[in-house]
Structure formats: C-alpha cells, structure tokens
Amino acid sequence: MLRDEGLTVAKSFVIKGSAPRFPVAMSFPAILKPIRGRGSAGVTLIKTEDEFQDLTSKWVETDEFGSSFMLEELLPGEEITVAVMPPGTYLIKGVEEVKSKCWALPAVKRMNHVDLVAPYNGVVAVVNNSFVLNAEELKDPDVIRITKACEKAGDLVGSKAVIRVDCRHNTKGLYEIFDLNMKPNLTGAGRPGRSDQDSLVALAARAIGGSIRICFRTY
C-alpha cells in the first residue's frame, strides 16, 4: 500500500510453511525475519538457498516464530529510524502546538550492525549503538525526503499513536523504508539498573527538549 502511494519501500514477500520456494523476483543475499517476533530478534542475513531452507525449516519445527515469515530485499547501507507522532495537541518546550497531521521526531542513526542486522535491544541497549542525527545531517536532502515519506506513511495508515519507521540506504545511497512498526518499543531509563534503557523513540524525543506531553484529538 505504501509503495502504491509512491513511497520508496524495500521489496518483500511473505513466506509460509517449511520447504518454501525462494521467490524468483528476489536475489541473494536477502533478509529473513519473523512476522511473529519483536525488534530484531531472529532477523537473519540469508546468503544461499540452503541457508534459506534450513532456517525456515528450523523455525517451523520449533514454532519459535510461528510458520509465516518475511523475506526482504537487502538494503546494504546506513540505517536510520524515524519516530512519527500522530495528530494532536502537544506541549513542546513549554509551547503548545496543534498538529493536524503526523509529524516526525529527529531521525536516529543505527550503528554497529552484526551481519547487516542491528542487534536486538535485549542484547545491546540502543543507547550504545544509536545516535540522533546532528543538525547538519538532518539538513541532508535525502534525510528530509525520507522523513517526509515516514510522516506520509503515518497518515496513510491512520496512526493514532506513535509509530516508528526504519529506513536504510539502497545500493544507490538513497533511503528506502523497510519496516513500519505499529507498536514500537517505548521504554525509558529511570528504574535502578535500567539507566541505559531509553528506547529509540525516547532518544529522539530527548533531542527536541526531553519531554513531550500529548493530548490526543481526533481529526
């Protein structure tokens, strides 16, 4: 649907059951990920047909992630994630602002991937491998373009709460959307022993003032 609306989205297919066929329209390497999962848990770089068959068979046999998976085009370049807020009335830096459409927080860069996959936040806290883009990086025309695309995606899905859209550079060095997370991690630091547990959304929110108060309205 997002692609039909003119947004640049990574090519993907739903794979079901054991011994599935690798789609003719895809090529190796590719990314295989659980549909029934969380974060980047299980997301795997697949380089060969044997790896594809072995992993799908294993997941079906163990039922760890159900029996349906997503096979996704590999986007090999830099990764950013964009938190998209829904329409509403917001108090930002002490000033009330009414947003009639979805709007984005500053993009966050993901770093230190393992086999081109960002580590699951339960293994590596995102504060240790993720950084809000600086002022100059946020002025990059392609960052501006993809950020607007993420905002449009929020409007297209009728978002009523914060979502998070993950994007990566394709082989031409241009960002494409590869994940739209309707239920992003929203944890924050605070409790003893969890001082490093800010989520990607919390990192982006802190970049515009540290605290956002929201009063949702329907438009």
C-alpha atoms as a PDB file:
ATOM      1  CA  MET A   1       0.000   0.000   0.000  1.00  0.00           C
ATOM      2  CA  LEU A   2       2.803   2.426   0.862  1.00  0.00           C
ATOM      3  CA  ARG A   3       4.573   1.581  -2.390  1.00  0.00           C
ATOM      4  CA  ASP A   4       1.356   2.156  -4.353  1.00  0.00           C
ATOM      5  CA  GLU A   5       1.177   5.611  -2.764  1.00  0.00           C
ATOM      6  CA  GLY A   6       4.588   6.497  -4.205  1.00  0.00           C
ATOM      7  CA  LEU A   7       6.820   5.812  -1.187  1.00  0.00           C
ATOM      8  CA  THR A   8      10.139   4.010  -1.655  1.00  0.00           C
ATOM      9  CA  VAL A   9       9.788   0.680   0.147  1.00  0.00           C
ATOM     10  CA  ALA A  10      12.049  -2.367   0.146  1.00  0.00           C
ATOM     11  CA  LYS A  11      10.746  -5.306  -1.882  1.00  0.00           C
ATOM     12  CA  SER A  12       9.408  -8.149   0.284  1.00  0.00           C
ATOM     13  CA  PHE A  13       7.425 -11.382   0.217  1.00  0.00           C
ATOM     14  CA  VAL A  14       5.536 -13.403   2.832  1.00  0.00           C
ATOM     15  CA  ILE A  15       6.946 -16.921   3.158  1.00  0.00           C
ATOM     16  CA  LYS A  16       4.750 -19.659   4.652  1.00  0.00           C
ATOM     17  CA  GLY A  17       5.486 -23.150   5.907  1.00  0.00           C
ATOM     18  CA  SER A  18       8.535 -25.382   5.617  1.00  0.00           C
ATOM     19  CA  ALA A  19      10.389 -26.008   2.347  1.00  0.00           C
ATOM     20  CA  PRO A  20       9.067 -22.796   0.716  1.00  0.00           C
ATOM     21  CA  ARG A  21      10.142 -21.597  -2.697  1.00  0.00           C
ATOM     22  CA  PHE A  22      12.575 -18.717  -2.858  1.00  0.00           C
ATOM     23  CA  PRO A  23      10.800 -16.034  -4.954  1.00  0.00           C
ATOM     24  CA  VAL A  24      12.105 -15.612  -8.494  1.00  0.00           C
ATOM     25  CA  ALA A  25      11.874 -11.824  -8.080  1.00  0.00           C
ATOM     26  CA  MET A  26      14.341 -11.877  -5.169  1.00  0.00           C
ATOM     27  CA  SER A  27      18.086 -12.456  -5.107  1.00  0.00           C
ATOM     28  CA  PHE A  28      20.710 -13.377  -2.539  1.00  0.00           C
ATOM     29  CA  PRO A  29      21.753 -12.028  -0.147  1.00  0.00           C
ATOM     30  CA  ALA A  30      18.392 -11.210   1.448  1.00  0.00           C
ATOM     31  CA  ILE A  31      16.933 -10.697   4.911  1.00  0.00           C
ATOM     32  CA  LEU A  32      14.632 -13.268   6.516  1.00  0.00           C
ATOM     33  CA  LYS A  33      12.645 -12.129   9.519  1.00  0.00           C
ATOM     34  CA  PRO A  34       9.857 -13.459  11.714  1.00  0.00           C
ATOM     35  CA  ILE A  35       6.447 -11.858  11.341  1.00  0.00           C
ATOM     36  CA  ARG A  36       5.580 -13.017  14.854  1.00  0.00           C
ATOM     37  CA  GLY A  37       8.531 -11.565  16.689  1.00  0.00           C
ATOM     38  CA  ARG A  38       9.805  -8.405  18.313  1.00  0.00           C
ATOM     39  CA  GLY A  39      12.565  -5.999  17.495  1.00  0.00           C
ATOM     40  CA  SER A  40      15.360  -7.586  15.511  1.00  0.00           C
ATOM     41  CA  ALA A  41      15.079 -10.942  17.305  1.00  0.00           C
ATOM     42  CA  GLY A  42      15.508 -13.653  14.685  1.00  0.00           C
ATOM     43  CA  VAL A  43      16.244 -11.266  11.807  1.00  0.00           C
ATOM     44  CA  THR A  44      18.882 -13.045   9.717  1.00  0.00           C
ATOM     45  CA  LEU A  45      21.044 -12.345   6.678  1.00  0.00           C
ATOM     46  CA  ILE A  46      20.481 -15.184   4.186  1.00  0.00           C
ATOM     47  CA  LYS A  47      23.214 -15.780   1.588  1.00  0.00           C
ATOM     48  CA  THR A  48      22.241 -19.066  -0.068  1.00  0.00           C
ATOM     49  CA  GLU A  49      19.276 -21.312  -0.888  1.00  0.00           C
ATOM     50  CA  ASP A  50      20.486 -23.845   1.682  1.00  0.00           C
ATOM     51  CA  GLU A  51      20.521 -21.209   4.432  1.00  0.00           C
ATOM     52  CA  PHE A  52      17.019 -20.123   3.409  1.00  0.00           C
ATOM     53  CA  GLN A  53      15.637 -23.676   3.548  1.00  0.00           C
ATOM     54  CA  ASP A  54      17.465 -24.576   6.765  1.00  0.00           C
ATOM     55  CA  LEU A  55      16.253 -21.553   8.700  1.00  0.00           C
ATOM     56  CA  THR A  56      12.616 -21.690   7.558  1.00  0.00           C
ATOM     57  CA  SER A  57      12.504 -25.417   8.387  1.00  0.00           C
ATOM     58  CA  LYS A  58      14.033 -24.804  11.819  1.00  0.00           C
ATOM     59  CA  TRP A  59      11.569 -22.041  12.672  1.00  0.00           C
ATOM     60  CA  VAL A  60       8.579 -24.115  11.596  1.00  0.00           C
ATOM     61  CA  GLU A  61       9.820 -27.152  13.541  1.00  0.00           C
ATOM     62  CA  THR A  62      10.470 -25.252  16.783  1.00  0.00           C
ATOM     63  CA  ASP A  63       7.428 -22.968  16.364  1.00  0.00           C
ATOM     64  CA  GLU A  64       9.544 -20.220  17.921  1.00  0.00           C
ATOM     65  CA  PHE A  65       8.168 -17.639  15.491  1.00  0.00           C
ATOM     66  CA  GLY A  66       5.130 -19.414  14.023  1.00  0.00           C
ATOM     67  CA  SER A  67       5.061 -20.566  10.407  1.00  0.00           C
ATOM     68  CA  SER A  68       4.923 -17.306   8.432  1.00  0.00           C
ATOM     69  CA  PHE A  69       7.975 -15.175   7.727  1.00  0.00           C
ATOM     70  CA  MET A  70       9.010 -12.168   5.681  1.00  0.00           C
ATOM     71  CA  LEU A  71      11.705 -12.331   3.059  1.00  0.00           C
ATOM     72  CA  GLU A  72      13.024  -8.861   2.381  1.00  0.00           C
ATOM     73  CA  GLU A  73      15.322  -7.194  -0.112  1.00  0.00           C
ATOM     74  CA  LEU A  74      18.682  -6.402   1.454  1.00  0.00           C
ATOM     75  CA  LEU A  75      19.335  -2.690   1.771  1.00  0.00           C
ATOM     76  CA  PRO A  76      23.098  -2.632   2.401  1.00  0.00           C
ATOM     77  CA  GLY A  77      23.734   0.933   3.543  1.00  0.00           C
ATOM     78  CA  GLU A  78      23.342   3.238   6.521  1.00  0.00           C
ATOM     79  CA  GLU A  79      20.250   2.780   8.699  1.00  0.00           C
ATOM     80  CA  ILE A  80      18.085   5.385  10.394  1.00  0.00           C
ATOM     81  CA  THR A  81      14.804   5.149  12.245  1.00  0.00           C
ATOM     82  CA  VAL A  82      12.144   7.858  12.331  1.00  0.00           C
ATOM     83  CA  ALA A  83       9.619   8.165  15.179  1.00  0.00           C
ATOM     84  CA  VAL A  84       6.339   9.509  13.814  1.00  0.00           C
ATOM     85  CA  MET A  85       3.881  11.166  16.165  1.00  0.00           C
ATOM     86  CA  PRO A  86       0.126  11.251  15.497  1.00  0.00           C
ATOM     87  CA  PRO A  87      -2.022  14.368  15.074  1.00  0.00           C
ATOM     88  CA  GLY A  88      -2.825  16.058  18.363  1.00  0.00           C
ATOM     89  CA  THR A  89      -2.060  18.911  20.730  1.00  0.00           C
ATOM     90  CA  TYR A  90       1.470  18.839  22.090  1.00  0.00           C
ATOM     91  CA  LEU A  91       3.379  20.784  24.724  1.00  0.00           C
ATOM     92  CA  ILE A  92       6.922  21.085  23.353  1.00  0.00           C
ATOM     93  CA  LYS A  93       9.495  23.112  25.278  1.00  0.00           C
ATOM     94  CA  GLY A  94       6.661  24.824  27.128  1.00  0.00           C
ATOM     95  CA  VAL A  95       4.809  25.865  23.967  1.00  0.00           C
ATOM     96  CA  GLU A  96       1.507  24.259  22.952  1.00  0.00           C
ATOM     97  CA  GLU A  97       1.402  23.165  19.322  1.00  0.00           C
ATOM     98  CA  VAL A  98      -1.523  21.689  17.395  1.00  0.00           C
ATOM     99  CA  LYS A  99      -0.509  19.144  14.770  1.00  0.00           C
ATOM    100  CA  SER A 100      -3.191  18.335  12.200  1.00  0.00           C
ATOM    101  CA  LYS A 101      -1.108  15.608  10.516  1.00  0.00           C
ATOM    102  CA  CYS A 102       1.521  13.080  11.527  1.00  0.00           C
ATOM    103  CA  TRP A 103       4.918  14.623  12.230  1.00  0.00           C
ATOM    104  CA  ALA A 104       8.375  13.230  12.854  1.00  0.00           C
ATOM    105  CA  LEU A 105      10.920  13.499  15.631  1.00  0.00           C
ATOM    106  CA  PRO A 106      14.582  13.812  14.557  1.00  0.00           C
ATOM    107  CA  ALA A 107      15.904  10.694  12.822  1.00  0.00           C
ATOM    108  CA  VAL A 108      18.143   8.339  14.802  1.00  0.00           C
ATOM    109  CA  LYS A 109      21.143   6.618  13.186  1.00  0.00           C
ATOM    110  CA  ARG A 110      21.691   2.896  13.938  1.00  0.00           C
ATOM    111  CA  MET A 111      25.290   1.706  14.204  1.00  0.00           C
ATOM    112  CA  ASN A 112      27.413  -1.411  14.838  1.00  0.00           C
ATOM    113  CA  HIS A 113      25.324  -3.926  12.898  1.00  0.00           C
ATOM    114  CA  VAL A 114      26.145  -7.642  13.007  1.00  0.00           C
ATOM    115  CA  ASP A 115      25.805  -9.301   9.570  1.00  0.00           C
ATOM    116  CA  LEU A 116      23.980  -6.142   8.431  1.00  0.00           C
ATOM    117  CA  VAL A 117      21.367  -6.523  11.196  1.00  0.00           C
ATOM    118  CA  ALA A 118      21.042  -4.174  14.175  1.00  0.00           C
ATOM    119  CA  PRO A 119      21.379  -6.236  17.389  1.00  0.00           C
ATOM    120  CA  TYR A 120      18.199  -6.919  19.368  1.00  0.00           C
ATOM    121  CA  ASN A 121      17.880  -4.299  22.108  1.00  0.00           C
ATOM    122  CA  GLY A 122      17.625  -7.068  24.700  1.00  0.00           C
ATOM    123  CA  VAL A 123      21.230  -7.924  23.833  1.00  0.00           C
ATOM    124  CA  VAL A 124      22.710  -4.478  23.076  1.00  0.00           C
ATOM    125  CA  ALA A 125      20.979  -1.422  24.535  1.00  0.00           C
ATOM    126  CA  VAL A 126      20.090   1.031  21.760  1.00  0.00           C
ATOM    127  CA  VAL A 127      21.820   3.898  23.591  1.00  0.00           C
ATOM    128  CA  ASN A 128      25.087   2.086  22.870  1.00  0.00           C
ATOM    129  CA  ASN A 129      24.625   1.858  19.097  1.00  0.00           C
ATOM    130  CA  SER A 130      22.190   4.628  18.158  1.00  0.00           C
ATOM    131  CA  PHE A 131      22.583   8.400  17.904  1.00  0.00           C
ATOM    132  CA  VAL A 132      20.256  11.237  16.921  1.00  0.00           C
ATOM    133  CA  LEU A 133      21.414  12.840  13.671  1.00  0.00           C
ATOM    134  CA  ASN A 134      23.143  16.171  14.209  1.00  0.00           C
ATOM    135  CA  ALA A 135      21.911  19.470  12.755  1.00  0.00           C
ATOM    136  CA  GLU A 136      23.953  19.161   9.567  1.00  0.00           C
ATOM    137  CA  GLU A 137      22.904  15.550   8.960  1.00  0.00           C
ATOM    138  CA  LEU A 138      19.249  16.490   9.399  1.00  0.00           C
ATOM    139  CA  LYS A 139      19.627  19.038   6.559  1.00  0.00           C
ATOM    140  CA  ASP A 140      20.615  16.322   4.082  1.00  0.00           C
ATOM    141  CA  PRO A 141      18.043  16.418   1.231  1.00  0.00           C
ATOM    142  CA  ASP A 142      17.569  12.640   1.279  1.00  0.00           C
ATOM    143  CA  VAL A 143      17.043  12.639   5.055  1.00  0.00           C
ATOM    144  CA  ILE A 144      14.418  15.356   4.603  1.00  0.00           C
ATOM    145  CA  ARG A 145      12.782  13.378   1.780  1.00  0.00           C
ATOM    146  CA  ILE A 146      12.562  10.096   3.685  1.00  0.00           C
ATOM    147  CA  THR A 147      11.406  11.855   6.865  1.00  0.00           C
ATOM    148  CA  LYS A 148       8.500  13.367   4.922  1.00  0.00           C
ATOM    149  CA  ALA A 149       7.812   9.920   3.485  1.00  0.00           C
ATOM    150  CA  CYS A 150       7.646   8.492   7.024  1.00  0.00           C
ATOM    151  CA  GLU A 151       5.203  11.219   8.037  1.00  0.00           C
ATOM    152  CA  LYS A 152       3.069  10.401   4.996  1.00  0.00           C
ATOM    153  CA  ALA A 153       3.185   6.722   5.932  1.00  0.00           C
ATOM    154  CA  GLY A 154       1.777   7.611   9.351  1.00  0.00           C
ATOM    155  CA  ASP A 155      -1.091   9.488   7.729  1.00  0.00           C
ATOM    156  CA  LEU A 156      -1.738   6.638   5.268  1.00  0.00           C
ATOM    157  CA  VAL A 157      -2.095   4.005   7.999  1.00  0.00           C
ATOM    158  CA  GLY A 158      -4.243   6.352  10.097  1.00  0.00           C
ATOM    159  CA  SER A 159      -1.880   6.279  13.050  1.00  0.00           C
ATOM    160  CA  LYS A 160      -3.453   7.235  16.385  1.00  0.00           C
ATOM    161  CA  ALA A 161      -0.276   6.737  18.433  1.00  0.00           C
ATOM    162  CA  VAL A 162       3.467   6.954  17.951  1.00  0.00           C
ATOM    163  CA  ILE A 163       4.896   4.607  15.304  1.00  0.00           C
ATOM    164  CA  ARG A 164       8.496   4.053  14.202  1.00  0.00           C
ATOM    165  CA  VAL A 165       9.641   3.712  10.602  1.00  0.00           C
ATOM    166  CA  ASP A 166      13.002   2.073   9.834  1.00  0.00           C
ATOM    167  CA  CYS A 167      14.899   3.077   6.672  1.00  0.00           C
ATOM    168  CA  ARG A 168      18.195   2.141   5.023  1.00  0.00           C
ATOM    169  CA  HIS A 169      20.307   3.221   2.090  1.00  0.00           C
ATOM    170  CA  ASN A 170      19.817   1.146  -1.044  1.00  0.00           C
ATOM    171  CA  THR A 171      22.664   0.388  -3.482  1.00  0.00           C
ATOM    172  CA  LYS A 172      22.298   3.917  -4.904  1.00  0.00           C
ATOM    173  CA  GLY A 173      22.762   5.532  -1.486  1.00  0.00           C
ATOM    174  CA  LEU A 174      19.120   6.600  -1.155  1.00  0.00           C
ATOM    175  CA  TYR A 175      16.923   5.762   1.807  1.00  0.00           C
ATOM    176  CA  GLU A 176      14.080   3.263   1.488  1.00  0.00           C
ATOM    177  CA  ILE A 177      11.526   2.220   4.102  1.00  0.00           C
ATOM    178  CA  PHE A 178      11.911  -1.392   5.223  1.00  0.00           C
ATOM    179  CA  ASP A 179       9.884  -1.589   8.457  1.00  0.00           C
ATOM    180  CA  LEU A 180       6.838   0.257   9.763  1.00  0.00           C
ATOM    181  CA  ASN A 181       6.448  -0.577  13.450  1.00  0.00           C
ATOM    182  CA  MET A 182       2.899  -0.003  14.684  1.00  0.00           C
ATOM    183  CA  LYS A 183       3.943  -0.907  18.235  1.00  0.00           C
ATOM    184  CA  PRO A 184       7.472   0.422  18.768  1.00  0.00           C
ATOM    185  CA  ASN A 185       9.415  -0.036  21.965  1.00  0.00           C
ATOM    186  CA  LEU A 186       8.694   2.968  24.211  1.00  0.00           C
ATOM    187  CA  THR A 187      10.792   2.101  27.258  1.00  0.00           C
ATOM    188  CA  GLY A 188      12.704   4.809  29.054  1.00  0.00           C
ATOM    189  CA  ALA A 189      15.550   4.983  31.532  1.00  0.00           C
ATOM    190  CA  GLY A 190      14.723   5.504  35.168  1.00  0.00           C
ATOM    191  CA  ARG A 191      14.483   2.445  37.353  1.00  0.00           C
ATOM    192  CA  PRO A 192      17.655   1.282  39.155  1.00  0.00           C
ATOM    193  CA  GLY A 193      19.776  -0.867  36.876  1.00  0.00           C
ATOM    194  CA  ARG A 194      17.999   0.427  33.745  1.00  0.00           C
ATOM    195  CA  SER A 195      19.777   3.737  33.234  1.00  0.00           C
ATOM    196  CA  ASP A 196      20.716   2.689  29.698  1.00  0.00           C
ATOM    197  CA  GLN A 197      17.253   1.543  28.591  1.00  0.00           C
ATOM    198  CA  ASP A 198      15.999   4.563  26.638  1.00  0.00           C
ATOM    199  CA  SER A 199      14.214   3.381  23.506  1.00  0.00           C
ATOM    200  CA  LEU A 200      14.854   4.802  20.033  1.00  0.00           C
ATOM    201  CA  VAL A 201      11.703   6.909  20.386  1.00  0.00           C
ATOM    202  CA  ALA A 202      12.870   8.239  23.757  1.00  0.00           C
ATOM    203  CA  LEU A 203      16.269   9.169  22.285  1.00  0.00           C
ATOM    204  CA  ALA A 204      14.550  11.159  19.528  1.00  0.00           C
ATOM    205  CA  ALA A 205      12.160  12.837  21.978  1.00  0.00           C
ATOM    206  CA  ARG A 206      15.011  13.986  24.212  1.00  0.00           C
ATOM    207  CA  ALA A 207      16.590  15.672  21.193  1.00  0.00           C
ATOM    208  CA  ILE A 208      13.720  18.163  20.981  1.00  0.00           C
ATOM    209  CA  GLY A 209      13.562  19.001  24.651  1.00  0.00           C
ATOM    210  CA  GLY A 210      13.437  15.857  26.718  1.00  0.00           C
ATOM    211  CA  SER A 211       9.728  15.813  27.489  1.00  0.00           C
ATOM    212  CA  ILE A 212       6.634  15.755  25.308  1.00  0.00           C
ATOM    213  CA  ARG A 213       3.177  15.944  26.779  1.00  0.00           C
ATOM    214  CA  ILE A 214       0.395  14.816  24.484  1.00  0.00           C
ATOM    215  CA  CYS A 215      -3.344  15.419  24.387  1.00  0.00           C
ATOM    216  CA  PHE A 216      -4.801  13.301  21.605  1.00  0.00           C
ATOM    217  CA  ARG A 217      -7.640  14.635  19.482  1.00  0.00           C
ATOM    218  CA  THR A 218      -9.472  13.075  16.546  1.00  0.00           C
ATOM    219  CA  TYR A 219      -9.296  14.854  13.192  1.00  0.00           C
END
